[in-house]
Amino acid sequence: MSVVTDLLDEIRSQIENLQRTVVQDLEQPGASEERFRSLIGDAPEAVRDWYLWCDGTRRRAGQSVGDASFIPGYIFPSLEEAAEIRRNGRDDLDQMGNWLPLLISASTDLYAAVWDGTHTIGVAGVLEGEETELEYVTIEEMLTVFVSAYSDGAYVVRDGHLDVDDDRMDDVYRTVTGREPLY
């Protein structure tokens, strides 16, 4: 176990407590270390642990993005999906270093781990039409924000859909990171 997998387990537990269907669709156990290395090569331990914990969200008939959301609006891609997105390239992320999507939206938004060698540079938040910026210093910091967002009610279920209370989320981000939110 690592800090990343412990935090992912905590989020999974909180999603389960909210009775979200995504819990049954998470492909666990995740990818093997051999498969990760063959598709991605060398990466920081936190990036590897992310995909060894879960290899994406199973797609099923009638499933909406909301049904599959790990956090509001974002799903856990499979290792193959993430590798394909990376192969297609993104100038903004390519200029930052090596990168791999961690969470993706139904559009082109995503959270991507960025690294140099085995050193994590941070987690970039990519929003369509906005400048790509490093939103989190580490994957662990991002996950700690997500855990707190579930615990503190920033991530809530409204009318059967996982949603975010933006003001509460800003407060959670400030409390966990000590920084002002970027967006």
Protein backbone atom coordinates (compact mmCIF):
# COMPACT_ATOMS: atom_id res chain seq x y z
CA MET A 1 0.00 0.00 0.00
CA SER A 2 1.04 3.57 -0.63
CA VAL A 3 -0.34 6.95 0.31
CA VAL A 4 -1.95 7.15 -3.15
CA THR A 5 -3.72 3.80 -2.83
CA ASP A 6 -4.80 4.58 0.75
CA LEU A 7 -6.35 7.87 -0.42
CA LEU A 8 -7.99 6.18 -3.41
CA ASP A 9 -9.43 3.57 -1.03
CA GLU A 10 -10.83 6.38 1.13
CA ILE A 11 -12.48 8.03 -1.87
CA ARG A 12 -13.90 4.68 -2.96
CA SER A 13 -15.34 4.22 0.53
CA GLN A 14 -16.92 7.68 0.46
CA ILE A 15 -18.41 7.06 -3.00
CA GLU A 16 -19.77 3.76 -1.72
CA ASN A 17 -21.36 5.55 1.28
CA LEU A 18 -23.11 7.85 -1.21
CA GLN A 19 -24.40 4.71 -2.97
CA ARG A 20 -22.90 5.72 -6.31
CA THR A 21 -23.00 3.04 -9.01
CA VAL A 22 -19.45 3.80 -10.11
CA VAL A 23 -18.13 1.68 -7.22
CA GLN A 24 -19.22 -1.50 -9.02
CA ASP A 25 -17.71 -0.25 -12.30
CA LEU A 26 -14.17 0.44 -11.10
CA GLU A 27 -11.84 -2.09 -12.72
CA GLN A 28 -10.05 -3.45 -9.68
CA PRO A 29 -7.46 -4.75 -9.28
CA GLY A 30 -5.77 -2.39 -11.67
CA ALA A 31 -3.16 -2.85 -14.36
CA SER A 32 -0.12 -4.98 -13.69
CA GLU A 33 3.22 -3.30 -13.19
CA GLU A 34 4.51 -5.04 -16.33
CA ARG A 35 1.64 -3.70 -18.44
CA PHE A 36 2.12 -0.23 -16.98
CA ARG A 37 5.84 -0.26 -17.83
CA SER A 38 5.21 -1.58 -21.35
CA LEU A 39 2.68 1.19 -22.12
CA ILE A 40 4.11 4.10 -20.15
CA GLY A 41 7.73 3.30 -19.28
CA ASP A 42 9.28 4.92 -16.23
CA ALA A 43 7.06 7.15 -14.14
CA PRO A 44 6.93 8.28 -10.53
CA GLU A 45 5.61 5.72 -8.05
CA ALA A 46 2.43 7.75 -7.43
CA VAL A 47 1.49 7.63 -11.13
CA ARG A 48 2.17 3.90 -11.29
CA ASP A 49 0.22 3.26 -8.08
CA TRP A 50 -2.78 5.14 -9.53
CA TYR A 51 -3.15 2.66 -12.39
CA LEU A 52 -2.17 -0.38 -10.37
CA TRP A 53 -5.08 0.47 -8.03
CA CYS A 54 -7.68 0.75 -10.81
CA ASP A 55 -7.60 0.21 -14.56
CA GLY A 56 -10.47 2.50 -15.45
CA THR A 57 -14.21 2.61 -15.18
CA ARG A 58 -16.12 -0.18 -16.90
CA ARG A 59 -18.50 1.17 -19.55
CA ARG A 60 -22.02 -0.27 -19.67
CA ALA A 61 -25.20 0.37 -21.65
CA GLY A 62 -27.18 3.35 -20.43
CA GLN A 63 -24.36 4.62 -18.22
CA SER A 64 -24.06 8.41 -18.03
CA VAL A 65 -20.92 10.35 -17.19
CA GLY A 66 -22.60 11.12 -13.87
CA ASP A 67 -23.07 7.40 -13.20
CA ALA A 68 -19.37 6.81 -13.89
CA SER A 69 -17.96 9.86 -12.07
CA PHE A 70 -15.17 9.29 -9.57
CA ILE A 71 -15.40 12.98 -8.70
CA PRO A 72 -18.06 15.27 -10.21
CA GLY A 73 -17.69 15.27 -13.99
CA TYR A 74 -14.56 13.10 -14.16
CA ILE A 75 -14.06 9.40 -14.69
CA PHE A 76 -11.14 7.07 -14.11
CA PRO A 77 -9.70 6.22 -17.57
CA SER A 78 -8.18 2.84 -18.33
CA LEU A 79 -4.43 2.68 -18.73
CA GLU A 80 -4.93 2.15 -22.48
CA GLU A 81 -7.19 5.22 -22.73
CA ALA A 82 -4.67 7.32 -20.84
CA ALA A 83 -1.78 6.07 -22.98
CA GLU A 84 -3.77 6.86 -26.15
CA ILE A 85 -4.56 10.40 -24.97
CA ARG A 86 -0.87 10.88 -24.19
CA ARG A 87 0.19 9.47 -27.58
CA ASN A 88 -2.12 11.96 -29.32
CA GLY A 89 -0.23 14.72 -27.50
CA ARG A 90 -1.24 18.08 -26.14
CA ASP A 91 1.11 21.00 -26.73
CA ASP A 92 0.36 22.55 -23.33
CA LEU A 93 1.17 19.36 -21.42
CA ASP A 94 3.99 18.24 -23.74
CA GLN A 95 5.84 21.47 -22.89
CA MET A 96 5.59 20.73 -19.16
CA GLY A 97 7.30 17.33 -19.32
CA ASN A 98 6.14 13.71 -19.33
CA TRP A 99 2.45 13.41 -18.49
CA LEU A 100 -0.43 10.99 -18.21
CA PRO A 101 -4.14 11.65 -17.63
CA LEU A 102 -5.43 10.56 -14.23
CA LEU A 103 -9.05 11.64 -14.61
CA ILE A 104 -10.92 12.63 -17.78
CA SER A 105 -14.22 14.32 -18.53
CA ALA A 106 -16.69 13.70 -21.35
CA SER A 107 -15.15 16.71 -23.14
CA THR A 108 -11.43 17.46 -23.31
CA ASP A 109 -11.02 18.44 -19.64
CA LEU A 110 -8.67 16.31 -17.58
CA TYR A 111 -6.32 16.09 -14.65
CA ALA A 112 -2.85 14.92 -15.69
CA ALA A 113 0.19 13.94 -13.66
CA VAL A 114 3.28 15.74 -14.97
CA TRP A 115 6.80 14.54 -14.25
CA ASP A 116 10.46 14.71 -15.21
CA GLY A 117 12.31 11.42 -14.82
CA THR A 118 10.91 9.98 -11.62
CA HIS A 119 10.22 13.40 -10.06
CA THR A 120 6.61 14.58 -10.01
CA ILE A 121 6.25 18.18 -11.15
CA GLY A 122 2.58 18.33 -10.23
CA VAL A 123 -0.96 17.65 -11.42
CA ALA A 124 -2.20 19.88 -14.22
CA GLY A 125 -5.82 20.88 -14.47
CA VAL A 126 -6.81 21.10 -18.13
CA LEU A 127 -10.07 22.93 -18.80
CA GLU A 128 -11.32 23.58 -22.32
CA GLY A 129 -10.75 27.22 -23.21
CA GLU A 130 -8.54 27.91 -20.17
CA GLU A 131 -4.78 28.01 -19.74
CA THR A 132 -3.38 24.72 -18.45
CA GLU A 133 -1.87 25.20 -15.01
CA LEU A 134 -0.41 23.02 -12.30
CA GLU A 135 -3.30 22.83 -9.86
CA TYR A 136 -1.75 20.43 -7.34
CA VAL A 137 1.84 19.94 -6.19
CA THR A 138 1.46 16.15 -5.96
CA ILE A 139 -1.07 13.42 -6.69
CA GLU A 140 -1.32 12.91 -2.93
CA GLU A 141 -2.29 16.56 -2.45
CA MET A 142 -4.98 16.29 -5.14
CA LEU A 143 -6.39 13.15 -3.56
CA THR A 144 -6.35 14.74 -0.10
CA VAL A 145 -8.43 17.61 -1.52
CA PHE A 146 -10.86 15.10 -3.05
CA VAL A 147 -11.16 13.13 0.21
CA SER A 148 -11.86 16.38 2.08
CA ALA A 149 -14.36 17.46 -0.59
CA TYR A 150 -16.35 14.28 0.02
CA SER A 151 -16.01 14.52 3.83
CA ASP A 152 -16.86 18.23 4.04
CA GLY A 153 -19.83 18.12 1.66
CA ALA A 154 -18.25 19.94 -1.28
CA TYR A 155 -19.03 16.85 -3.36
CA VAL A 156 -22.72 16.10 -2.90
CA VAL A 157 -25.50 14.12 -4.51
CA ARG A 158 -28.24 16.38 -5.87
CA ASP A 159 -31.25 14.97 -7.67
CA GLY A 160 -29.41 11.67 -7.97
CA HIS A 161 -26.31 13.23 -9.57
CA LEU A 162 -22.86 13.76 -8.09
CA ASP A 163 -22.29 17.51 -8.02
CA VAL A 164 -19.88 20.06 -6.58
CA ASP A 165 -20.65 22.98 -4.29
CA ASP A 166 -18.14 25.45 -5.75
CA ASP A 167 -17.88 27.68 -2.66
CA ARG A 168 -17.29 24.73 -0.35
CA MET A 169 -14.80 23.27 -2.83
CA ASP A 170 -12.84 26.53 -2.82
CA ASP A 171 -12.75 26.41 0.99
CA VAL A 172 -11.57 22.78 0.94
CA TYR A 173 -8.84 23.62 -1.57
CA ARG A 174 -7.64 26.56 0.56
CA THR A 175 -7.66 24.50 3.76
CA VAL A 176 -5.77 21.53 2.31
CA THR A 177 -3.28 23.33 0.06
CA GLY A 178 -2.89 26.71 1.76
CA ARG A 179 -3.30 28.32 -1.67
CA GLU A 180 -6.07 30.14 -3.50
CA PRO A 181 -7.93 28.06 -6.12
CA LEU A 182 -6.82 28.65 -9.69
CA TYR A 183 -10.29 28.65 -11.25
